[in-house]
Amino acid sequence: MEKNKELTPKQSLEIINNMIESTKSQVRKNAFYFLLWGWVTLIACLLHYIFLKTAITEKPHMAWLIVIIGVVATLVYNFKRSKDDEPFTHLNKILALTWLSFFISYLIIIVYLKEFNYKAYQLVFILTGSATFISGMIIKFRPILYGGILFWIGSIISFHLSYENQILISIPIIILGYLIPGYLLKRKKD
């Protein structure tokens, strides 16, 4: 009969540390998501502002349909990544669930966007800030964590701005909160 072996505190810390390091490594490879969604949202904001100012369309918020490209790219990338033999740790699961909850919340906002008069930048910033902040905490990467805080600050500022200026402030927030941390994560060495 096999005796149950209890882990020493040192062994427990080693297991936890290995799990964190494995997650960090996998998430660094997933800088793709921060970069993809940073560029998709940046382009959508720019198009939204251009459509609003030039009256190219009566529905400038339609610029956000570009998000469909991001969803398709994410699905294709996830499908290819699912074939990798890398372990899927508990922390990876938490990260995946965090972003899944963001996506579901985002879809609810999109479905009811008319109720917000098609103006929901603050809500999306709050959701993005939460998911980004949690990601930064889990992988212990401060630029991602600070990006989340920046999205929260952007949401507070946006409540005090006109709709056009909410779109404009989105541009530096996306660059500083998504793109720069994404590129830093991509370049980070293990």
C-alpha atoms as a PDB file:
ATOM      1  CA  MET A   1       0.000   0.000   0.000  1.00  0.00           C
ATOM      2  CA  GLU A   2       1.367   3.365  -1.024  1.00  0.00           C
ATOM      3  CA  LYS A   3       1.688   5.985   1.675  1.00  0.00           C
ATOM      4  CA  ASN A   4       0.407   9.472   0.967  1.00  0.00           C
ATOM      5  CA  LYS A   5       3.373  11.744   0.776  1.00  0.00           C
ATOM      6  CA  GLU A   6       2.856  15.237   2.050  1.00  0.00           C
ATOM      7  CA  LEU A   7       4.708  17.966   0.277  1.00  0.00           C
ATOM      8  CA  THR A   8       7.180  20.033   2.183  1.00  0.00           C
ATOM      9  CA  PRO A   9       6.668  23.784   2.114  1.00  0.00           C
ATOM     10  CA  LYS A  10       9.706  24.038  -0.173  1.00  0.00           C
ATOM     11  CA  GLN A  11       8.246  21.487  -2.620  1.00  0.00           C
ATOM     12  CA  SER A  12       4.890  23.282  -2.589  1.00  0.00           C
ATOM     13  CA  LEU A  13       6.587  26.594  -3.399  1.00  0.00           C
ATOM     14  CA  GLU A  14       8.568  24.949  -6.193  1.00  0.00           C
ATOM     15  CA  ILE A  15       5.385  23.539  -7.748  1.00  0.00           C
ATOM     16  CA  ILE A  16       3.656  26.920  -7.507  1.00  0.00           C
ATOM     17  CA  ASN A  17       6.709  28.704  -8.901  1.00  0.00           C
ATOM     18  CA  ASN A  18       6.965  26.240 -11.825  1.00  0.00           C
ATOM     19  CA  MET A  19       3.275  26.764 -12.562  1.00  0.00           C
ATOM     20  CA  ILE A  20       3.718  30.547 -12.566  1.00  0.00           C
ATOM     21  CA  GLU A  21       6.810  30.331 -14.787  1.00  0.00           C
ATOM     22  CA  SER A  22       5.027  28.008 -17.224  1.00  0.00           C
ATOM     23  CA  THR A  23       2.081  30.397 -17.360  1.00  0.00           C
ATOM     24  CA  LYS A  24       4.392  33.397 -17.849  1.00  0.00           C
ATOM     25  CA  SER A  25       6.104  31.659 -20.738  1.00  0.00           C
ATOM     26  CA  GLN A  26       2.805  30.751 -22.392  1.00  0.00           C
ATOM     27  CA  VAL A  27       1.339  34.205 -21.834  1.00  0.00           C
ATOM     28  CA  ARG A  28       4.434  35.861 -23.287  1.00  0.00           C
ATOM     29  CA  LYS A  29       3.762  33.854 -26.410  1.00  0.00           C
ATOM     30  CA  ASN A  30       0.229  35.204 -26.201  1.00  0.00           C
ATOM     31  CA  ALA A  31       1.374  38.805 -26.525  1.00  0.00           C
ATOM     32  CA  PHE A  32      -0.311  38.185 -29.861  1.00  0.00           C
ATOM     33  CA  TYR A  33      -3.693  38.901 -28.236  1.00  0.00           C
ATOM     34  CA  PHE A  34      -2.679  42.256 -26.771  1.00  0.00           C
ATOM     35  CA  LEU A  35      -1.168  43.278 -30.086  1.00  0.00           C
ATOM     36  CA  LEU A  36      -4.043  41.996 -32.220  1.00  0.00           C
ATOM     37  CA  TRP A  37      -6.728  43.588 -30.076  1.00  0.00           C
ATOM     38  CA  GLY A  38      -4.688  46.736 -29.572  1.00  0.00           C
ATOM     39  CA  TRP A  39      -4.453  47.238 -33.328  1.00  0.00           C
ATOM     40  CA  VAL A  40      -8.053  46.206 -34.009  1.00  0.00           C
ATOM     41  CA  THR A  41      -9.439  48.600 -31.403  1.00  0.00           C
ATOM     42  CA  LEU A  42      -7.072  51.388 -32.430  1.00  0.00           C
ATOM     43  CA  ILE A  43      -8.164  51.093 -36.070  1.00  0.00           C
ATOM     44  CA  ALA A  44     -11.826  50.917 -35.012  1.00  0.00           C
ATOM     45  CA  CYS A  45     -11.456  54.090 -32.913  1.00  0.00           C
ATOM     46  CA  LEU A  46      -9.749  55.937 -35.757  1.00  0.00           C
ATOM     47  CA  LEU A  47     -12.401  54.830 -38.257  1.00  0.00           C
ATOM     48  CA  HIS A  48     -15.170  55.693 -35.807  1.00  0.00           C
ATOM     49  CA  TYR A  49     -13.789  59.213 -35.389  1.00  0.00           C
ATOM     50  CA  ILE A  50     -13.287  59.667 -39.146  1.00  0.00           C
ATOM     51  CA  PHE A  51     -16.808  58.411 -39.870  1.00  0.00           C
ATOM     52  CA  LEU A  52     -18.200  60.730 -37.200  1.00  0.00           C
ATOM     53  CA  LYS A  53     -16.370  63.801 -38.506  1.00  0.00           C
ATOM     54  CA  THR A  54     -16.863  63.211 -42.233  1.00  0.00           C
ATOM     55  CA  ALA A  55     -20.402  61.837 -42.164  1.00  0.00           C
ATOM     56  CA  ILE A  56     -19.338  59.040 -44.532  1.00  0.00           C
ATOM     57  CA  THR A  57     -22.059  57.016 -42.870  1.00  0.00           C
ATOM     58  CA  GLU A  58     -25.054  57.830 -40.717  1.00  0.00           C
ATOM     59  CA  LYS A  59     -23.892  55.148 -38.299  1.00  0.00           C
ATOM     60  CA  PRO A  60     -20.249  55.896 -37.457  1.00  0.00           C
ATOM     61  CA  HIS A  61     -20.263  53.219 -34.748  1.00  0.00           C
ATOM     62  CA  MET A  62     -20.348  50.662 -37.584  1.00  0.00           C
ATOM     63  CA  ALA A  63     -16.557  51.092 -37.681  1.00  0.00           C
ATOM     64  CA  TRP A  64     -16.550  48.586 -34.834  1.00  0.00           C
ATOM     65  CA  LEU A  65     -17.510  45.810 -37.221  1.00  0.00           C
ATOM     66  CA  ILE A  66     -13.759  45.461 -37.710  1.00  0.00           C
ATOM     67  CA  VAL A  67     -13.886  43.556 -34.413  1.00  0.00           C
ATOM     68  CA  ILE A  68     -15.168  40.602 -36.448  1.00  0.00           C
ATOM     69  CA  ILE A  69     -11.700  40.357 -38.015  1.00  0.00           C
ATOM     70  CA  GLY A  70     -10.214  40.215 -34.515  1.00  0.00           C
ATOM     71  CA  VAL A  71     -12.611  37.475 -33.451  1.00  0.00           C
ATOM     72  CA  VAL A  72     -11.810  35.390 -36.540  1.00  0.00           C
ATOM     73  CA  ALA A  73      -8.051  35.903 -36.072  1.00  0.00           C
ATOM     74  CA  THR A  74      -8.369  34.936 -32.407  1.00  0.00           C
ATOM     75  CA  LEU A  75     -10.307  31.767 -33.230  1.00  0.00           C
ATOM     76  CA  VAL A  76      -7.780  30.729 -35.902  1.00  0.00           C
ATOM     77  CA  TYR A  77      -4.858  31.451 -33.567  1.00  0.00           C
ATOM     78  CA  ASN A  78      -6.502  29.513 -30.729  1.00  0.00           C
ATOM     79  CA  PHE A  79      -7.167  26.572 -33.030  1.00  0.00           C
ATOM     80  CA  LYS A  80      -3.509  26.454 -34.084  1.00  0.00           C
ATOM     81  CA  ARG A  81      -2.322  26.867 -30.486  1.00  0.00           C
ATOM     82  CA  SER A  82      -4.602  24.066 -29.268  1.00  0.00           C
ATOM     83  CA  LYS A  83      -2.422  21.634 -31.196  1.00  0.00           C
ATOM     84  CA  ASP A  84       0.631  22.586 -29.108  1.00  0.00           C
ATOM     85  CA  ASP A  85       1.680  20.153 -26.425  1.00  0.00           C
ATOM     86  CA  GLU A  86       2.228  22.839 -23.799  1.00  0.00           C
ATOM     87  CA  PRO A  87       0.597  22.164 -20.440  1.00  0.00           C
ATOM     88  CA  PHE A  88      -2.530  24.150 -19.645  1.00  0.00           C
ATOM     89  CA  THR A  89      -1.991  25.232 -16.049  1.00  0.00           C
ATOM     90  CA  HIS A  90      -4.489  26.390 -13.478  1.00  0.00           C
ATOM     91  CA  LEU A  91      -3.284  29.971 -13.994  1.00  0.00           C
ATOM     92  CA  ASN A  92      -3.811  29.625 -17.753  1.00  0.00           C
ATOM     93  CA  LYS A  93      -7.359  28.531 -17.008  1.00  0.00           C
ATOM     94  CA  ILE A  94      -7.910  31.597 -14.799  1.00  0.00           C
ATOM     95  CA  LEU A  95      -6.569  33.842 -17.557  1.00  0.00           C
ATOM     96  CA  ALA A  96      -8.770  32.179 -20.161  1.00  0.00           C
ATOM     97  CA  LEU A  97     -11.834  32.507 -17.943  1.00  0.00           C
ATOM     98  CA  THR A  98     -11.020  36.150 -17.205  1.00  0.00           C
ATOM     99  CA  TRP A  99     -10.964  36.990 -20.905  1.00  0.00           C
ATOM    100  CA  LEU A 100     -14.007  34.806 -21.587  1.00  0.00           C
ATOM    101  CA  SER A 101     -15.944  36.775 -18.967  1.00  0.00           C
ATOM    102  CA  PHE A 102     -14.718  39.988 -20.607  1.00  0.00           C
ATOM    103  CA  PHE A 103     -15.910  38.756 -24.007  1.00  0.00           C
ATOM    104  CA  ILE A 104     -19.340  37.723 -22.716  1.00  0.00           C
ATOM    105  CA  SER A 105     -19.750  41.086 -20.952  1.00  0.00           C
ATOM    106  CA  TYR A 106     -18.625  42.872 -24.095  1.00  0.00           C
ATOM    107  CA  LEU A 107     -21.194  40.956 -26.176  1.00  0.00           C
ATOM    108  CA  ILE A 108     -23.949  41.970 -23.760  1.00  0.00           C
ATOM    109  CA  ILE A 109     -22.923  45.601 -24.157  1.00  0.00           C
ATOM    110  CA  ILE A 110     -22.899  45.231 -27.957  1.00  0.00           C
ATOM    111  CA  VAL A 111     -26.363  43.648 -27.988  1.00  0.00           C
ATOM    112  CA  TYR A 112     -27.756  46.512 -25.891  1.00  0.00           C
ATOM    113  CA  LEU A 113     -25.614  49.240 -27.415  1.00  0.00           C
ATOM    114  CA  LYS A 114     -28.698  51.053 -28.671  1.00  0.00           C
ATOM    115  CA  GLU A 115     -29.763  51.463 -25.029  1.00  0.00           C
ATOM    116  CA  PHE A 116     -26.504  53.347 -24.463  1.00  0.00           C
ATOM    117  CA  ASN A 117     -27.164  55.497 -27.550  1.00  0.00           C
ATOM    118  CA  TYR A 118     -24.209  53.677 -29.142  1.00  0.00           C
ATOM    119  CA  LYS A 119     -21.879  55.300 -26.618  1.00  0.00           C
ATOM    120  CA  ALA A 120     -20.289  52.808 -24.258  1.00  0.00           C
ATOM    121  CA  TYR A 121     -16.572  53.611 -24.221  1.00  0.00           C
ATOM    122  CA  GLN A 122     -16.513  53.956 -20.428  1.00  0.00           C
ATOM    123  CA  LEU A 123     -18.062  50.521 -19.895  1.00  0.00           C
ATOM    124  CA  VAL A 124     -15.673  48.832 -22.301  1.00  0.00           C
ATOM    125  CA  PHE A 125     -12.720  50.610 -20.656  1.00  0.00           C
ATOM    126  CA  ILE A 126     -13.840  49.341 -17.241  1.00  0.00           C
ATOM    127  CA  LEU A 127     -14.096  45.753 -18.519  1.00  0.00           C
ATOM    128  CA  THR A 128     -10.792  45.995 -20.390  1.00  0.00           C
ATOM    129  CA  GLY A 129      -9.103  47.466 -17.338  1.00  0.00           C
ATOM    130  CA  SER A 130     -10.280  44.582 -15.177  1.00  0.00           C
ATOM    131  CA  ALA A 131      -9.211  41.808 -17.555  1.00  0.00           C
ATOM    132  CA  THR A 132      -5.887  43.492 -18.341  1.00  0.00           C
ATOM    133  CA  PHE A 133      -5.132  44.202 -14.675  1.00  0.00           C
ATOM    134  CA  ILE A 134      -5.895  40.596 -13.662  1.00  0.00           C
ATOM    135  CA  SER A 135      -3.695  39.329 -16.516  1.00  0.00           C
ATOM    136  CA  GLY A 136      -0.843  41.565 -15.379  1.00  0.00           C
ATOM    137  CA  MET A 137      -1.201  40.343 -11.796  1.00  0.00           C
ATOM    138  CA  ILE A 138      -1.262  36.669 -12.784  1.00  0.00           C
ATOM    139  CA  ILE A 139       1.773  36.813 -15.035  1.00  0.00           C
ATOM    140  CA  LYS A 140       3.493  39.337 -12.775  1.00  0.00           C
ATOM    141  CA  PHE A 141       4.200  41.701 -15.655  1.00  0.00           C
ATOM    142  CA  ARG A 142       3.839  45.287 -14.540  1.00  0.00           C
ATOM    143  CA  PRO A 143       3.349  46.941 -17.949  1.00  0.00           C
ATOM    144  CA  ILE A 144       0.203  44.826 -18.482  1.00  0.00           C
ATOM    145  CA  LEU A 145      -0.959  45.582 -14.938  1.00  0.00           C
ATOM    146  CA  TYR A 146      -0.371  49.324 -15.478  1.00  0.00           C
ATOM    147  CA  GLY A 147      -2.211  49.064 -18.790  1.00  0.00           C
ATOM    148  CA  GLY A 148      -5.253  47.832 -16.864  1.00  0.00           C
ATOM    149  CA  ILE A 149      -5.005  50.750 -14.446  1.00  0.00           C
ATOM    150  CA  LEU A 150      -4.724  53.133 -17.396  1.00  0.00           C
ATOM    151  CA  PHE A 151      -7.956  51.760 -18.883  1.00  0.00           C
ATOM    152  CA  TRP A 152      -9.708  52.407 -15.557  1.00  0.00           C
ATOM    153  CA  ILE A 153      -8.356  55.949 -15.434  1.00  0.00           C
ATOM    154  CA  GLY A 154      -9.473  56.398 -19.040  1.00  0.00           C
ATOM    155  CA  SER A 155     -12.987  55.290 -18.108  1.00  0.00           C
ATOM    156  CA  ILE A 156     -13.170  57.891 -15.334  1.00  0.00           C
ATOM    157  CA  ILE A 157     -11.871  60.643 -17.625  1.00  0.00           C
ATOM    158  CA  SER A 158     -14.280  59.570 -20.382  1.00  0.00           C
ATOM    159  CA  PHE A 159     -17.286  60.177 -18.148  1.00  0.00           C
ATOM    160  CA  HIS A 160     -16.337  63.863 -18.211  1.00  0.00           C
ATOM    161  CA  LEU A 161     -15.748  64.205 -21.946  1.00  0.00           C
ATOM    162  CA  SER A 162     -17.899  64.715 -24.984  1.00  0.00           C
ATOM    163  CA  TYR A 163     -18.535  61.686 -27.138  1.00  0.00           C
ATOM    164  CA  GLU A 164     -16.036  62.816 -29.793  1.00  0.00           C
ATOM    165  CA  ASN A 165     -13.355  63.352 -27.161  1.00  0.00           C
ATOM    166  CA  GLN A 166     -14.080  59.919 -25.662  1.00  0.00           C
ATOM    167  CA  ILE A 167     -13.148  58.451 -29.029  1.00  0.00           C
ATOM    168  CA  LEU A 168     -10.003  60.589 -29.224  1.00  0.00           C
ATOM    169  CA  ILE A 169      -8.822  59.728 -25.716  1.00  0.00           C
ATOM    170  CA  SER A 170      -9.240  56.061 -26.603  1.00  0.00           C
ATOM    171  CA  ILE A 171      -6.327  56.296 -29.015  1.00  0.00           C
ATOM    172  CA  PRO A 172      -3.544  57.019 -26.476  1.00  0.00           C
ATOM    173  CA  ILE A 173      -5.178  54.716 -23.921  1.00  0.00           C
ATOM    174  CA  ILE A 174      -5.106  51.817 -26.379  1.00  0.00           C
ATOM    175  CA  ILE A 175      -1.527  52.580 -27.402  1.00  0.00           C
ATOM    176  CA  LEU A 176      -0.313  52.884 -23.796  1.00  0.00           C
ATOM    177  CA  GLY A 177      -2.602  50.246 -22.259  1.00  0.00           C
ATOM    178  CA  TYR A 178      -2.503  47.496 -24.902  1.00  0.00           C
ATOM    179  CA  LEU A 179       0.077  48.012 -27.627  1.00  0.00           C
ATOM    180  CA  ILE A 180       3.152  49.128 -25.690  1.00  0.00           C
ATOM    181  CA  PRO A 181       2.667  46.471 -22.965  1.00  0.00           C
ATOM    182  CA  GLY A 182       1.993  43.896 -25.713  1.00  0.00           C
ATOM    183  CA  TYR A 183       5.237  44.723 -27.509  1.00  0.00           C
ATOM    184  CA  LEU A 184       7.164  44.731 -24.215  1.00  0.00           C
ATOM    185  CA  LEU A 185       5.679  41.327 -23.388  1.00  0.00           C
ATOM    186  CA  LYS A 186       6.606  40.003 -26.811  1.00  0.00           C
ATOM    187  CA  ARG A 187      10.218  41.163 -26.392  1.00  0.00           C
ATOM    188  CA  LYS A 188      10.564  39.941 -22.800  1.00  0.00           C
ATOM    189  CA  LYS A 189      13.090  37.184 -22.300  1.00  0.00           C
ATOM    190  CA  ASP A 190      12.352  34.318 -19.924  1.00  0.00           C
END
